[in-house]
Amino acid sequence: MNVHLKRWLAVSGAAVVITAGVVVGGSYWKLESNLKTVDLAKEITHPRPPSTPGRPLNILLIGKDDGRSDTAMVVQLNAAGDQARVVSIPRDTMVPRPQCGNHPPTSIAMFNSAFSTGGAACTVATVEQLSGIRIDHFVQIDFNGFRDVIDGLGGIDITIPEPINDQESGLHVPAGPTKLNGTQALGFVRTRKSIGDGSDLNRIKNQQLFMRALSEKITNENWLASPQKTFQLADVLTKSIVTDAEIGSISKLADLAGKLTALKPESITYVTLPTETYPPDPNRVQPKQPDADALWKAA
C-alpha cells in the first residue's frame, strides 16, 4: 500500500508496495496475475445506498482467517484526501443481514457470519445495511499474508499497554516498547481473552494501536527507494488480498494509492462502532442507538 491505501495492512501496506510494483516494469504483469477480485455489481442485486458527490470514499477492510471474517474496518477518506476516519465493527455485533446470493435475509445474526454466508460481497451488503453508507471498495487480506508482509517490512515498533501472555496465539510480550515480527503482530491483533475483560472491544483497541504504528512506519520509511525490495513485498501482498473488481488491477490500485498521498498518520482518526450488551446473550453486543446512527452520519 502506498503511503496510504489506508494504513493498515492491505490498504496501508498495499499502496506503497503496489506503486513500487508498477515501477518495476516487467514485474507488473506478475503482480497483476496475483490479484483476485469480486464483482460487487453482480453479487449484490438489491438496491444499495447511493453514491453521492462530495461524500467520503468508503473502503471496507476485511481480515480473513479460516473462512471467517475476523476483522472489519471501514476507512472513510474525505473528498480532499487529507483526512480519514477508520471505524471498527466488532465481529460479535448482532445485526440484520440482507439476502446474500441464495441465502435469504435474516432479522438478526452475528456480524461476522456475513462473510461465512456469502463472502466479502455479503459483508459489504451487511455493512451498507447497518450504516446506510455506500461502500465504494473493499480489500480483503489473508492473515498469513499479513504476517508475511510485516516480516517483509522488518517488523513493527509498538508500545504494548499491558503484558500479554496468550496461550492460543503463543504471544508473550511485556508491557512497554517492543518490535513485533510477523507472527507476533498477527498474535497481537488477534489476542482477545488474555487482555482486559476478554471482549472483542479490547482486541479492537490493539488493532487500532497497531494500525497507528504501521502507518507511521510506512510514512517514515521510504520504501520506494528500493524497487526490488518493495516488489518482493508487493508479490506477497497481492497474493494475499482480494478486492472488488473496480480496483482489481495494479494500475487501479496505484491510482487509488495516488489519492492518498496527502494523508498523514496524525490525520487519521480511529473509532469503534458504539455498542451495548445484546439482551438475549450477554456475550454479544448490538449497536447502541442513537449513537451508532449518529456516528455514520457524522462522516
Protein backbone atom coordinates (compact mmCIF):
# COMPACT_ATOMS: atom_id res chain seq x y z
CA MET A 1 0.00 0.00 0.00
CA ASN A 2 1.40 3.29 -0.78
CA VAL A 3 1.99 5.69 1.97
CA HIS A 4 -1.64 5.11 2.31
CA LEU A 5 -4.21 2.85 0.89
CA LYS A 6 -5.48 3.10 4.24
CA ARG A 7 -2.81 2.49 6.65
CA TRP A 8 -3.41 -0.93 7.75
CA LEU A 9 -2.08 -3.89 6.06
CA ALA A 10 -3.99 -4.24 2.96
CA VAL A 11 -4.66 -0.72 2.39
CA SER A 12 -1.83 0.93 4.06
CA GLY A 13 0.83 -1.53 3.24
CA ALA A 14 -0.51 -2.11 -0.19
CA ALA A 15 -0.28 1.28 -1.72
CA VAL A 16 3.40 1.79 -1.22
CA VAL A 17 4.17 -1.64 -2.43
CA ILE A 18 1.79 -1.64 -5.37
CA THR A 19 3.05 1.69 -6.64
CA ALA A 20 6.57 0.31 -6.45
CA GLY A 21 5.48 -2.78 -8.33
CA VAL A 22 4.28 -0.66 -11.23
CA VAL A 23 7.69 0.95 -11.41
CA VAL A 24 9.42 -2.39 -11.61
CA GLY A 25 8.40 -2.73 -15.27
CA GLY A 26 8.02 -6.35 -16.34
CA SER A 27 7.21 -7.32 -12.79
CA TYR A 28 3.89 -5.52 -13.23
CA TRP A 29 2.38 -8.49 -15.04
CA LYS A 30 3.45 -10.92 -12.35
CA LEU A 31 1.74 -8.80 -9.70
CA GLU A 32 -1.32 -8.43 -11.91
CA SER A 33 -1.68 -12.19 -12.20
CA ASN A 34 -1.67 -12.49 -8.40
CA LEU A 35 -4.82 -10.42 -7.91
CA LYS A 36 -8.25 -11.91 -7.22
CA THR A 37 -11.47 -9.89 -7.43
CA VAL A 38 -15.19 -9.98 -6.68
CA ASP A 39 -17.72 -8.16 -8.87
CA LEU A 40 -20.00 -6.43 -6.36
CA ALA A 41 -22.36 -5.29 -9.10
CA LYS A 42 -23.18 -8.93 -9.85
CA GLU A 43 -23.04 -10.24 -6.29
CA ILE A 44 -25.25 -7.56 -4.68
CA THR A 45 -28.54 -7.45 -6.57
CA HIS A 46 -30.72 -5.46 -4.15
CA PRO A 47 -30.73 -1.61 -4.06
CA ARG A 48 -27.64 -0.11 -2.46
CA PRO A 49 -27.04 3.28 -0.79
CA PRO A 50 -26.46 5.98 -3.42
CA SER A 51 -23.03 7.19 -4.47
CA THR A 52 -23.48 10.94 -3.94
CA PRO A 53 -20.91 13.61 -4.96
CA GLY A 54 -18.74 15.13 -2.25
CA ARG A 55 -19.18 12.31 0.24
CA PRO A 56 -16.27 10.36 1.75
CA LEU A 57 -14.67 7.49 -0.16
CA ASN A 58 -15.54 4.38 1.87
CA ILE A 59 -13.23 1.36 1.80
CA LEU A 60 -14.05 -1.77 3.77
CA LEU A 61 -11.06 -3.69 5.10
CA ILE A 62 -11.64 -7.36 5.90
CA GLY A 63 -9.20 -9.61 7.75
CA LYS A 64 -9.87 -13.28 6.91
CA ASP A 65 -8.93 -16.34 8.89
CA ASP A 66 -10.01 -19.92 8.13
CA GLY A 67 -13.00 -18.84 6.06
CA ARG A 68 -14.22 -16.34 8.63
CA SER A 69 -14.10 -12.56 8.82
CA ASP A 70 -12.08 -11.85 11.94
CA THR A 71 -11.67 -8.10 11.44
CA ALA A 72 -13.78 -5.44 9.71
CA MET A 73 -12.93 -1.75 9.43
CA VAL A 74 -14.44 0.98 7.29
CA VAL A 75 -11.92 3.57 6.11
CA GLN A 76 -13.59 6.87 5.25
CA LEU A 77 -11.42 9.29 3.24
CA ASN A 78 -12.70 12.85 2.84
CA ALA A 79 -13.07 14.47 -0.58
CA ALA A 80 -9.81 16.42 -0.21
CA GLY A 81 -7.93 13.22 0.63
CA ASP A 82 -6.21 14.73 3.66
CA GLN A 83 -8.41 13.39 6.49
CA ALA A 84 -9.57 9.85 7.20
CA ARG A 85 -11.60 8.02 9.79
CA VAL A 86 -11.34 4.30 10.49
CA VAL A 87 -14.46 2.70 12.00
CA SER A 88 -14.02 -0.74 13.58
CA ILE A 89 -17.05 -3.04 13.69
CA PRO A 90 -16.95 -5.67 16.47
CA ARG A 91 -17.33 -9.10 14.91
CA ASP A 92 -19.84 -10.25 17.56
CA THR A 93 -22.27 -7.37 16.92
CA MET A 94 -25.80 -8.64 16.35
CA VAL A 95 -27.26 -7.04 13.21
CA PRO A 96 -29.81 -7.71 10.45
CA ARG A 97 -28.23 -9.49 7.47
CA PRO A 98 -29.58 -8.88 3.95
CA GLN A 99 -30.07 -11.51 1.29
CA CYS A 100 -26.75 -12.83 0.06
CA GLY A 101 -26.94 -14.95 -3.09
CA ASN A 102 -29.29 -17.83 -2.37
CA HIS A 103 -29.26 -17.13 1.35
CA PRO A 104 -32.41 -15.31 2.45
CA PRO A 105 -32.20 -12.25 4.71
CA THR A 106 -32.32 -12.73 8.46
CA SER A 107 -33.57 -10.32 11.08
CA ILE A 108 -30.62 -10.89 13.42
CA ALA A 109 -27.22 -12.55 13.11
CA MET A 110 -23.68 -12.06 14.34
CA PHE A 111 -21.87 -9.61 12.08
CA ASN A 112 -19.02 -11.89 11.09
CA SER A 113 -21.49 -14.55 9.92
CA ALA A 114 -21.97 -12.44 6.80
CA PHE A 115 -18.57 -13.47 5.47
CA SER A 116 -19.06 -17.18 6.11
CA THR A 117 -22.50 -16.89 4.49
CA GLY A 118 -21.63 -15.01 1.33
CA GLY A 119 -18.02 -13.85 1.39
CA ALA A 120 -16.86 -10.28 1.02
CA ALA A 121 -19.92 -9.22 -1.00
CA CYS A 122 -22.24 -10.27 1.82
CA THR A 123 -20.07 -8.40 4.32
CA VAL A 124 -20.23 -5.28 2.14
CA ALA A 125 -24.02 -5.59 1.89
CA THR A 126 -24.33 -6.08 5.65
CA VAL A 127 -22.19 -3.00 6.39
CA GLU A 128 -24.26 -0.95 3.96
CA GLN A 129 -27.49 -2.04 5.61
CA LEU A 130 -26.04 -1.39 9.06
CA SER A 131 -24.62 2.04 8.27
CA GLY A 132 -26.69 3.43 5.42
CA ILE A 133 -23.48 4.43 3.62
CA ARG A 134 -22.17 3.26 0.26
CA ILE A 135 -19.10 1.04 0.39
CA ASP A 136 -17.08 2.00 -2.68
CA HIS A 137 -14.37 -0.65 -2.45
CA PHE A 138 -13.17 -3.48 -0.27
CA VAL A 139 -9.79 -5.04 0.40
CA GLN A 140 -9.72 -8.50 2.00
CA ILE A 141 -6.44 -9.83 3.34
CA ASP A 142 -5.49 -13.30 4.48
CA PHE A 143 -3.89 -13.33 7.93
CA ASN A 144 -0.96 -15.41 6.72
CA GLY A 145 -0.26 -12.72 4.15
CA PHE A 146 -0.50 -10.10 6.88
CA ARG A 147 2.20 -11.94 8.82
CA ASP A 148 4.49 -12.21 5.80
CA VAL A 149 4.12 -8.54 4.91
CA ILE A 150 5.02 -7.45 8.44
CA ASP A 151 8.13 -9.63 8.24
CA GLY A 152 8.90 -8.04 4.88
CA LEU A 153 8.70 -4.61 6.49
CA GLY A 154 11.23 -5.69 9.10
CA GLY A 155 8.75 -5.78 11.98
CA ILE A 156 6.76 -3.01 13.63
CA ASP A 157 7.84 -0.92 16.61
CA ILE A 158 4.99 -0.51 19.07
CA THR A 159 4.36 0.25 22.73
CA ILE A 160 2.37 -2.54 24.40
CA PRO A 161 -0.05 -1.09 27.01
CA GLU A 162 -0.11 -4.22 29.20
CA PRO A 163 1.80 -7.51 29.30
CA ILE A 164 0.34 -10.24 27.11
CA ASN A 165 0.63 -13.96 27.77
CA ASP A 166 -1.73 -15.63 25.34
CA GLN A 167 -1.58 -19.41 25.05
CA GLU A 168 -3.80 -19.58 21.96
CA SER A 169 -1.67 -17.27 19.83
CA GLY A 170 1.60 -18.06 21.58
CA LEU A 171 2.21 -14.35 22.10
CA HIS A 172 4.23 -13.49 25.21
CA VAL A 173 5.38 -9.87 25.40
CA PRO A 174 5.95 -7.48 28.32
CA ALA A 175 4.37 -4.04 28.57
CA GLY A 176 6.32 -1.17 27.01
CA PRO A 177 8.19 -0.53 23.74
CA THR A 178 8.94 -3.59 21.61
CA LYS A 179 9.33 -4.70 18.00
CA LEU A 180 6.82 -7.27 16.75
CA ASN A 181 7.72 -9.66 13.93
CA GLY A 182 5.02 -11.00 11.63
CA THR A 183 3.95 -13.90 13.84
CA GLN A 184 3.89 -11.70 16.94
CA ALA A 185 1.99 -8.96 15.11
CA LEU A 186 -0.63 -11.46 13.99
CA GLY A 187 -0.97 -12.67 17.57
CA PHE A 188 -1.24 -9.10 18.81
CA VAL A 189 -4.10 -8.08 16.51
CA ARG A 190 -5.96 -11.33 17.27
CA THR A 191 -5.43 -11.56 21.02
CA ARG A 192 -8.66 -11.17 22.97
CA LYS A 193 -9.06 -13.42 26.00
CA SER A 194 -5.75 -12.55 27.62
CA ILE A 195 -6.28 -8.77 27.72
CA GLY A 196 -8.71 -6.57 29.60
CA ASP A 197 -12.08 -8.22 30.11
CA GLY A 198 -11.51 -10.62 27.22
CA SER A 199 -14.02 -8.92 24.93
CA ASP A 200 -13.69 -8.18 21.23
CA LEU A 201 -13.63 -4.46 22.06
CA ASN A 202 -10.23 -4.84 23.72
CA ARG A 203 -8.87 -6.63 20.67
CA ILE A 204 -10.10 -3.76 18.52
CA LYS A 205 -8.09 -1.34 20.67
CA ASN A 206 -4.98 -3.41 19.93
CA GLN A 207 -5.78 -3.44 16.22
CA GLN A 208 -6.16 0.32 16.14
CA LEU A 209 -2.92 0.77 18.10
CA PHE A 210 -1.16 -1.49 15.61
CA MET A 211 -2.57 0.44 12.66
CA ARG A 212 -1.15 3.67 14.04
CA ALA A 213 2.28 2.09 14.40
CA LEU A 214 2.11 0.60 10.91
CA SER A 215 1.05 3.86 9.28
CA GLU A 216 3.90 5.70 10.98
CA LYS A 217 6.45 3.14 9.79
CA ILE A 218 5.27 3.25 6.19
CA THR A 219 5.19 7.05 6.24
CA ASN A 220 8.60 7.47 7.85
CA GLU A 221 10.48 4.92 5.75
CA ASN A 222 10.93 5.45 2.02
CA TRP A 223 10.07 2.02 0.68
CA LEU A 224 10.06 3.26 -2.91
CA ALA A 225 13.82 3.80 -2.67
CA SER A 226 14.36 0.06 -3.25
CA PRO A 227 12.18 -1.23 -6.11
CA GLN A 228 13.46 -4.80 -5.73
CA LYS A 229 12.67 -4.84 -2.01
CA THR A 230 9.22 -3.39 -2.48
CA PHE A 231 8.45 -5.76 -5.34
CA GLN A 232 9.15 -8.74 -3.10
CA LEU A 233 6.73 -7.29 -0.56
CA ALA A 234 4.19 -6.49 -3.27
CA ASP A 235 4.37 -10.07 -4.54
CA VAL A 236 3.46 -11.39 -1.08
CA LEU A 237 0.73 -8.81 -0.61
CA THR A 238 -1.00 -9.22 -3.96
CA LYS A 239 -1.14 -13.00 -3.42
CA SER A 240 -2.87 -12.39 -0.10
CA ILE A 241 -5.59 -9.89 -1.00
CA VAL A 242 -8.95 -9.93 -2.73
CA THR A 243 -10.54 -6.67 -3.91
CA ASP A 244 -13.69 -5.53 -5.69
CA ALA A 245 -13.46 -5.63 -9.47
CA GLU A 246 -13.41 -1.83 -9.79
CA ILE A 247 -9.93 -1.66 -8.22
CA GLY A 248 -8.86 -5.15 -9.24
CA SER A 249 -5.74 -4.26 -11.20
CA ILE A 250 -2.30 -2.93 -10.33
CA SER A 251 -2.91 0.31 -12.23
CA LYS A 252 -6.23 0.94 -10.48
CA LEU A 253 -4.76 0.19 -7.07
CA ALA A 254 -1.92 2.57 -7.88
CA ASP A 255 -4.46 5.25 -8.89
CA LEU A 256 -6.25 4.76 -5.60
CA ALA A 257 -2.94 4.98 -3.76
CA GLY A 258 -2.25 8.26 -5.51
CA LYS A 259 -5.38 9.75 -3.98
CA LEU A 260 -3.98 9.04 -0.54
CA THR A 261 -0.63 10.80 -0.79
CA ALA A 262 -1.88 13.86 1.14
CA LEU A 263 -2.89 11.71 4.12
CA LYS A 264 -0.67 11.87 7.20
CA PRO A 265 -0.77 9.46 10.18
CA GLU A 266 -1.88 12.24 12.50
CA SER A 267 -4.83 12.96 10.19
CA ILE A 268 -6.35 9.50 10.72
CA THR A 269 -8.96 9.08 13.46
CA TYR A 270 -9.79 5.63 14.86
CA VAL A 271 -13.22 4.93 16.34
CA THR A 272 -15.31 1.88 17.18
CA LEU A 273 -18.99 1.41 16.41
CA PRO A 274 -20.90 2.27 19.62
CA THR A 275 -22.37 -0.91 21.07
CA GLU A 276 -24.15 -2.20 24.15
CA THR A 277 -24.90 -5.63 25.55
CA TYR A 278 -27.29 -7.71 23.46
CA PRO A 279 -30.05 -8.63 25.97
CA PRO A 280 -30.66 -12.23 24.83
CA ASP A 281 -26.95 -13.07 25.08
CA PRO A 282 -24.52 -11.16 27.34
CA ASN A 283 -21.62 -12.49 25.25
CA ARG A 284 -22.84 -10.49 22.24
CA VAL A 285 -23.35 -6.79 21.59
CA GLN A 286 -25.73 -4.71 19.49
CA PRO A 287 -25.40 -1.19 18.01
CA LYS A 288 -26.12 1.41 20.65
CA GLN A 289 -28.68 3.93 19.45
CA PRO A 290 -28.85 6.76 18.66
CA ASP A 291 -25.05 6.85 18.95
CA ALA A 292 -24.39 4.29 16.20
CA ASP A 293 -26.52 6.05 13.60
CA ALA A 294 -25.02 9.40 14.58
CA LEU A 295 -21.51 8.07 14.04
CA TRP A 296 -22.22 7.05 10.45
CA LYS A 297 -23.96 10.35 9.68
CA ALA A 298 -21.06 12.36 11.08
CA ALA A 299 -18.64 11.44 8.32
